[in-house]
Amino acid sequence: MEHARPYRFHSDTDGLEALCRDTKFSRREIQLMYRSFKQVCPSGFVDEDAFKQIFSQFFPYGNASLYAHYVFKTFDQNRNGAIRFKDFLHCLSLLCRGSPRDKLRWAFSLYDINGDGCITKKEMTDIVCSVYALLGRRSHPAVDEKSLRDHVDRIFLKMDLNKDGVVTIDEFMEICTKDETISKSLSLFDTVL
């Protein structure tokens, strides 16, 4: 694995100002997040195994490994197997402070596992299964495999507007922006750190 160069932050005011401009975080928020990031990742980057370990601490009742893998892929913007602080901050900014359309584009990239610009039913099933594995014993009500597949079939059928067997970004955006439940759930990510 080729490692990313760690992000150097020290007293680099130009770097800090650039991060403030590029994200929707204040200087203070960035400084706090950087200190926390460096405590957990003293090398200045996090690889997928460490990311999975960190993720599993937030979801102790299930298996977070597969879902963390998919999320890691969206955060690893240069696809080198490591997330630098800058990459982490950009994704966090998008998820916490981005517009609903930005969040939907990120969600689409999560579901588009192979990155070909379309979501297949298998990709949707893989992500939904990983979410249920993540929730583990805490998913309520407990879901059996048939119910899960029926759920994916219903969602996929609703999203595949032209019935060509794949969901494009346009179809995804159209359905998600019109669905009140999805729109409300996107605002749950809005946060003040």
C-alpha atoms as a PDB file:
ATOM      1  CA  MET A   1       0.000   0.000   0.000  1.00  0.00           C
ATOM      2  CA  GLU A   2       1.317   3.435  -0.916  1.00  0.00           C
ATOM      3  CA  HIS A   3       0.896   5.715   2.073  1.00  0.00           C
ATOM      4  CA  ALA A   4      -0.283   9.276   1.800  1.00  0.00           C
ATOM      5  CA  ARG A   5       1.932  12.036   3.057  1.00  0.00           C
ATOM      6  CA  PRO A   6       0.557  13.081   6.423  1.00  0.00           C
ATOM      7  CA  TYR A   7      -1.104  16.454   6.518  1.00  0.00           C
ATOM      8  CA  ARG A   8       1.203  18.991   8.197  1.00  0.00           C
ATOM      9  CA  PHE A   9      -0.755  21.467  10.244  1.00  0.00           C
ATOM     10  CA  HIS A  10       1.593  22.937  12.897  1.00  0.00           C
ATOM     11  CA  SER A  11       1.294  26.719  12.826  1.00  0.00           C
ATOM     12  CA  ASP A  12       0.624  26.790   9.096  1.00  0.00           C
ATOM     13  CA  THR A  13      -1.868  29.661   8.981  1.00  0.00           C
ATOM     14  CA  ASP A  14      -2.069  29.488   5.192  1.00  0.00           C
ATOM     15  CA  GLY A  15      -3.043  25.814   5.470  1.00  0.00           C
ATOM     16  CA  LEU A  16      -5.539  26.552   8.208  1.00  0.00           C
ATOM     17  CA  GLU A  17      -7.084  29.409   6.251  1.00  0.00           C
ATOM     18  CA  ALA A  18      -7.302  27.203   3.152  1.00  0.00           C
ATOM     19  CA  LEU A  19      -9.101  24.506   5.173  1.00  0.00           C
ATOM     20  CA  CYS A  20     -11.507  27.117   6.536  1.00  0.00           C
ATOM     21  CA  ARG A  21     -12.240  28.256   2.974  1.00  0.00           C
ATOM     22  CA  ASP A  22     -12.532  24.728   1.588  1.00  0.00           C
ATOM     23  CA  THR A  23     -14.728  23.390   4.384  1.00  0.00           C
ATOM     24  CA  LYS A  24     -17.527  24.865   6.411  1.00  0.00           C
ATOM     25  CA  PHE A  25     -15.627  24.672   9.687  1.00  0.00           C
ATOM     26  CA  SER A  26     -14.199  27.495  11.775  1.00  0.00           C
ATOM     27  CA  ARG A  27     -10.521  27.791  12.690  1.00  0.00           C
ATOM     28  CA  ARG A  28     -11.313  26.614  16.223  1.00  0.00           C
ATOM     29  CA  GLU A  29     -13.310  23.590  15.053  1.00  0.00           C
ATOM     30  CA  ILE A  30     -10.520  22.556  12.694  1.00  0.00           C
ATOM     31  CA  GLN A  31      -7.899  22.927  15.407  1.00  0.00           C
ATOM     32  CA  LEU A  32      -9.950  20.784  17.814  1.00  0.00           C
ATOM     33  CA  MET A  33     -10.570  18.101  15.195  1.00  0.00           C
ATOM     34  CA  TYR A  34      -6.903  18.101  14.189  1.00  0.00           C
ATOM     35  CA  ARG A  35      -5.773  17.543  17.802  1.00  0.00           C
ATOM     36  CA  SER A  36      -8.231  14.648  18.135  1.00  0.00           C
ATOM     37  CA  PHE A  37      -7.200  13.196  14.779  1.00  0.00           C
ATOM     38  CA  LYS A  38      -3.509  13.315  15.727  1.00  0.00           C
ATOM     39  CA  GLN A  39      -4.214  11.635  19.082  1.00  0.00           C
ATOM     40  CA  VAL A  40      -5.947   8.733  17.364  1.00  0.00           C
ATOM     41  CA  CYS A  41      -3.720   8.760  14.261  1.00  0.00           C
ATOM     42  CA  PRO A  42      -0.281  10.080  15.275  1.00  0.00           C
ATOM     43  CA  SER A  43       1.133   9.181  11.856  1.00  0.00           C
ATOM     44  CA  GLY A  44      -1.140  11.800  10.293  1.00  0.00           C
ATOM     45  CA  PHE A  45      -3.214   9.316   8.333  1.00  0.00           C
ATOM     46  CA  VAL A  46      -5.540   6.418   9.003  1.00  0.00           C
ATOM     47  CA  ASP A  47      -5.547   3.197   7.009  1.00  0.00           C
ATOM     48  CA  GLU A  48      -8.621   1.045   6.467  1.00  0.00           C
ATOM     49  CA  ASP A  49      -7.947  -1.343   9.346  1.00  0.00           C
ATOM     50  CA  ALA A  50      -7.583   1.512  11.823  1.00  0.00           C
ATOM     51  CA  PHE A  51     -10.694   3.176  10.367  1.00  0.00           C
ATOM     52  CA  LYS A  52     -12.670  -0.037  10.884  1.00  0.00           C
ATOM     53  CA  GLN A  53     -11.438  -0.284  14.463  1.00  0.00           C
ATOM     54  CA  ILE A  54     -12.445   3.319  15.192  1.00  0.00           C
ATOM     55  CA  PHE A  55     -15.813   2.802  13.492  1.00  0.00           C
ATOM     56  CA  SER A  56     -16.525  -0.365  15.484  1.00  0.00           C
ATOM     57  CA  GLN A  57     -16.196   1.609  18.732  1.00  0.00           C
ATOM     58  CA  PHE A  58     -19.272   3.616  17.719  1.00  0.00           C
ATOM     59  CA  PHE A  59     -21.258   0.480  16.834  1.00  0.00           C
ATOM     60  CA  PRO A  60     -20.310  -2.117  19.460  1.00  0.00           C
ATOM     61  CA  TYR A  61     -23.411  -4.296  19.049  1.00  0.00           C
ATOM     62  CA  GLY A  62     -22.912  -5.216  15.427  1.00  0.00           C
ATOM     63  CA  ASN A  63     -20.264  -5.877  12.825  1.00  0.00           C
ATOM     64  CA  ALA A  64     -19.126  -2.485  11.530  1.00  0.00           C
ATOM     65  CA  SER A  65     -16.353  -3.853   9.324  1.00  0.00           C
ATOM     66  CA  LEU A  66     -18.145  -4.013   5.973  1.00  0.00           C
ATOM     67  CA  TYR A  67     -19.976  -0.697   6.296  1.00  0.00           C
ATOM     68  CA  ALA A  68     -16.756   0.959   7.502  1.00  0.00           C
ATOM     69  CA  HIS A  69     -15.042  -0.433   4.389  1.00  0.00           C
ATOM     70  CA  TYR A  70     -17.593   1.265   2.129  1.00  0.00           C
ATOM     71  CA  VAL A  71     -17.402   4.557   4.041  1.00  0.00           C
ATOM     72  CA  PHE A  72     -13.598   4.406   3.986  1.00  0.00           C
ATOM     73  CA  LYS A  73     -13.679   4.131   0.196  1.00  0.00           C
ATOM     74  CA  THR A  74     -15.646   7.386  -0.021  1.00  0.00           C
ATOM     75  CA  PHE A  75     -13.251   9.183   2.356  1.00  0.00           C
ATOM     76  CA  ASP A  76     -10.086   7.873   0.629  1.00  0.00           C
ATOM     77  CA  GLN A  77     -10.355  10.446  -2.121  1.00  0.00           C
ATOM     78  CA  ASN A  78      -7.051   9.704  -3.844  1.00  0.00           C
ATOM     79  CA  ARG A  79      -7.557   5.917  -3.549  1.00  0.00           C
ATOM     80  CA  ASN A  80      -4.208   5.155  -1.930  1.00  0.00           C
ATOM     81  CA  GLY A  81      -5.479   3.234   1.096  1.00  0.00           C
ATOM     82  CA  ALA A  82      -5.032   6.064   3.596  1.00  0.00           C
ATOM     83  CA  ILE A  83      -7.098   9.016   4.748  1.00  0.00           C
ATOM     84  CA  ARG A  84      -5.211  12.182   5.548  1.00  0.00           C
ATOM     85  CA  PHE A  85      -6.669  14.771   7.905  1.00  0.00           C
ATOM     86  CA  LYS A  86      -7.480  17.024   4.961  1.00  0.00           C
ATOM     87  CA  ASP A  87      -9.486  14.236   3.244  1.00  0.00           C
ATOM     88  CA  PHE A  88     -11.236  13.425   6.507  1.00  0.00           C
ATOM     89  CA  LEU A  89     -12.109  17.073   7.093  1.00  0.00           C
ATOM     90  CA  HIS A  90     -13.485  17.574   3.578  1.00  0.00           C
ATOM     91  CA  CYS A  91     -15.788  14.562   3.868  1.00  0.00           C
ATOM     92  CA  LEU A  92     -16.872  15.484   7.367  1.00  0.00           C
ATOM     93  CA  SER A  93     -17.649  19.008   6.195  1.00  0.00           C
ATOM     94  CA  LEU A  94     -19.757  17.649   3.370  1.00  0.00           C
ATOM     95  CA  LEU A  95     -21.671  15.279   5.659  1.00  0.00           C
ATOM     96  CA  CYS A  96     -22.151  17.718   8.542  1.00  0.00           C
ATOM     97  CA  ARG A  97     -22.498  21.033   6.765  1.00  0.00           C
ATOM     98  CA  GLY A  98     -23.044  20.271   3.103  1.00  0.00           C
ATOM     99  CA  SER A  99     -26.216  20.989   1.193  1.00  0.00           C
ATOM    100  CA  PRO A 100     -28.812  18.232   0.870  1.00  0.00           C
ATOM    101  CA  ARG A 101     -27.641  17.706  -2.733  1.00  0.00           C
ATOM    102  CA  ASP A 102     -24.017  17.342  -1.569  1.00  0.00           C
ATOM    103  CA  LYS A 103     -25.083  14.741   0.986  1.00  0.00           C
ATOM    104  CA  LEU A 104     -27.086  12.866  -1.627  1.00  0.00           C
ATOM    105  CA  ARG A 105     -24.107  12.829  -4.006  1.00  0.00           C
ATOM    106  CA  TRP A 106     -22.007  11.362  -1.191  1.00  0.00           C
ATOM    107  CA  ALA A 107     -24.710   8.757  -0.451  1.00  0.00           C
ATOM    108  CA  PHE A 108     -24.808   7.872  -4.145  1.00  0.00           C
ATOM    109  CA  SER A 109     -21.027   7.359  -4.144  1.00  0.00           C
ATOM    110  CA  LEU A 110     -21.405   5.090  -1.101  1.00  0.00           C
ATOM    111  CA  TYR A 111     -23.967   2.903  -2.878  1.00  0.00           C
ATOM    112  CA  ASP A 112     -22.059   2.974  -6.182  1.00  0.00           C
ATOM    113  CA  ILE A 113     -19.522   0.514  -4.813  1.00  0.00           C
ATOM    114  CA  ASN A 114     -17.587  -0.032  -8.039  1.00  0.00           C
ATOM    115  CA  GLY A 115     -17.632   3.651  -9.004  1.00  0.00           C
ATOM    116  CA  ASP A 116     -19.120   3.153 -12.465  1.00  0.00           C
ATOM    117  CA  GLY A 117     -21.759   5.875 -12.041  1.00  0.00           C
ATOM    118  CA  CYS A 118     -24.692   3.488 -11.522  1.00  0.00           C
ATOM    119  CA  ILE A 119     -26.128   1.597  -8.577  1.00  0.00           C
ATOM    120  CA  THR A 120     -27.070  -2.009  -9.261  1.00  0.00           C
ATOM    121  CA  LYS A 121     -29.511  -3.992  -7.142  1.00  0.00           C
ATOM    122  CA  LYS A 122     -26.549  -6.043  -5.859  1.00  0.00           C
ATOM    123  CA  GLU A 123     -24.708  -2.887  -4.765  1.00  0.00           C
ATOM    124  CA  MET A 124     -27.814  -1.620  -2.999  1.00  0.00           C
ATOM    125  CA  THR A 125     -28.255  -5.009  -1.325  1.00  0.00           C
ATOM    126  CA  ASP A 126     -24.611  -5.054  -0.213  1.00  0.00           C
ATOM    127  CA  ILE A 127     -24.895  -1.613   1.411  1.00  0.00           C
ATOM    128  CA  VAL A 128     -28.240  -2.348   3.074  1.00  0.00           C
ATOM    129  CA  CYS A 129     -26.887  -5.673   4.405  1.00  0.00           C
ATOM    130  CA  SER A 130     -23.825  -3.871   5.770  1.00  0.00           C
ATOM    131  CA  VAL A 131     -26.083  -1.377   7.572  1.00  0.00           C
ATOM    132  CA  TYR A 132     -28.060  -4.185   9.204  1.00  0.00           C
ATOM    133  CA  ALA A 133     -24.807  -5.938  10.176  1.00  0.00           C
ATOM    134  CA  LEU A 134     -23.629  -2.639  11.657  1.00  0.00           C
ATOM    135  CA  LEU A 135     -26.746  -2.368  13.816  1.00  0.00           C
ATOM    136  CA  GLY A 136     -26.453  -5.995  14.892  1.00  0.00           C
ATOM    137  CA  ARG A 137     -28.533  -6.919  17.900  1.00  0.00           C
ATOM    138  CA  ARG A 138     -29.837  -3.360  18.108  1.00  0.00           C
ATOM    139  CA  SER A 139     -31.794  -3.443  14.842  1.00  0.00           C
ATOM    140  CA  HIS A 140     -35.442  -3.336  15.708  1.00  0.00           C
ATOM    141  CA  PRO A 141     -37.361  -5.170  14.618  1.00  0.00           C
ATOM    142  CA  ALA A 142     -34.939  -7.963  13.782  1.00  0.00           C
ATOM    143  CA  VAL A 143     -34.769  -8.432  10.023  1.00  0.00           C
ATOM    144  CA  ASP A 144     -34.513 -11.731   8.215  1.00  0.00           C
ATOM    145  CA  GLU A 145     -32.856 -12.081   4.841  1.00  0.00           C
ATOM    146  CA  LYS A 146     -36.114 -12.338   2.897  1.00  0.00           C
ATOM    147  CA  SER A 147     -37.476  -9.131   4.457  1.00  0.00           C
ATOM    148  CA  LEU A 148     -34.206  -7.370   3.709  1.00  0.00           C
ATOM    149  CA  ARG A 149     -34.253  -8.450   0.057  1.00  0.00           C
ATOM    150  CA  ASP A 150     -37.939  -7.462  -0.279  1.00  0.00           C
ATOM    151  CA  HIS A 151     -37.077  -4.050   1.172  1.00  0.00           C
ATOM    152  CA  VAL A 152     -34.226  -3.585  -1.328  1.00  0.00           C
ATOM    153  CA  ASP A 153     -36.475  -4.741  -4.195  1.00  0.00           C
ATOM    154  CA  ARG A 154     -39.104  -2.120  -3.276  1.00  0.00           C
ATOM    155  CA  ILE A 155     -36.556   0.695  -2.987  1.00  0.00           C
ATOM    156  CA  PHE A 156     -34.758  -0.303  -6.173  1.00  0.00           C
ATOM    157  CA  LEU A 157     -38.004  -0.533  -8.115  1.00  0.00           C
ATOM    158  CA  LYS A 158     -38.960   2.945  -6.901  1.00  0.00           C
ATOM    159  CA  MET A 159     -35.569   4.438  -7.822  1.00  0.00           C
ATOM    160  CA  ASP A 160     -35.004   2.779 -11.188  1.00  0.00           C
ATOM    161  CA  LEU A 161     -37.306   5.201 -12.983  1.00  0.00           C
ATOM    162  CA  ASN A 162     -36.595   4.025 -16.530  1.00  0.00           C
ATOM    163  CA  LYS A 163     -36.545   0.327 -15.511  1.00  0.00           C
ATOM    164  CA  ASP A 164     -33.137  -0.365 -17.099  1.00  0.00           C
ATOM    165  CA  GLY A 165     -31.808  -2.349 -14.121  1.00  0.00           C
ATOM    166  CA  VAL A 166     -29.558   0.397 -12.692  1.00  0.00           C
ATOM    167  CA  VAL A 167     -30.074   3.602 -10.721  1.00  0.00           C
ATOM    168  CA  THR A 168     -28.239   6.611 -12.122  1.00  0.00           C
ATOM    169  CA  ILE A 169     -27.243   9.689 -10.148  1.00  0.00           C
ATOM    170  CA  ASP A 170     -30.110  11.609 -11.790  1.00  0.00           C
ATOM    171  CA  GLU A 171     -32.688   8.973 -10.791  1.00  0.00           C
ATOM    172  CA  PHE A 172     -31.234   8.783  -7.292  1.00  0.00           C
ATOM    173  CA  MET A 173     -31.303  12.558  -6.846  1.00  0.00           C
ATOM    174  CA  GLU A 174     -34.823  12.883  -8.255  1.00  0.00           C
ATOM    175  CA  ILE A 175     -36.348  10.249  -5.980  1.00  0.00           C
ATOM    176  CA  CYS A 176     -34.407  11.272  -2.880  1.00  0.00           C
ATOM    177  CA  THR A 177     -35.144  14.988  -3.190  1.00  0.00           C
ATOM    178  CA  LYS A 178     -38.867  14.274  -3.566  1.00  0.00           C
ATOM    179  CA  ASP A 179     -39.034  11.825  -0.659  1.00  0.00           C
ATOM    180  CA  GLU A 180     -39.862  13.692   2.558  1.00  0.00           C
ATOM    181  CA  THR A 181     -38.457  10.958   4.820  1.00  0.00           C
ATOM    182  CA  ILE A 182     -35.108  11.007   3.011  1.00  0.00           C
ATOM    183  CA  SER A 183     -34.997  14.802   2.995  1.00  0.00           C
ATOM    184  CA  LYS A 184     -35.617  14.934   6.749  1.00  0.00           C
ATOM    185  CA  SER A 185     -33.005  12.264   7.446  1.00  0.00           C
ATOM    186  CA  LEU A 186     -30.363  14.328   5.617  1.00  0.00           C
ATOM    187  CA  SER A 187     -30.834  17.168   8.068  1.00  0.00           C
ATOM    188  CA  LEU A 188     -29.920  14.799  10.926  1.00  0.00           C
ATOM    189  CA  PHE A 189     -26.297  15.116   9.785  1.00  0.00           C
ATOM    190  CA  ASP A 190     -26.374  18.907  10.239  1.00  0.00           C
ATOM    191  CA  THR A 191     -24.391  19.626  13.348  1.00  0.00           C
ATOM    192  CA  VAL A 192     -22.480  22.164  15.291  1.00  0.00           C
ATOM    193  CA  LEU A 193     -19.189  20.830  16.607  1.00  0.00           C
END
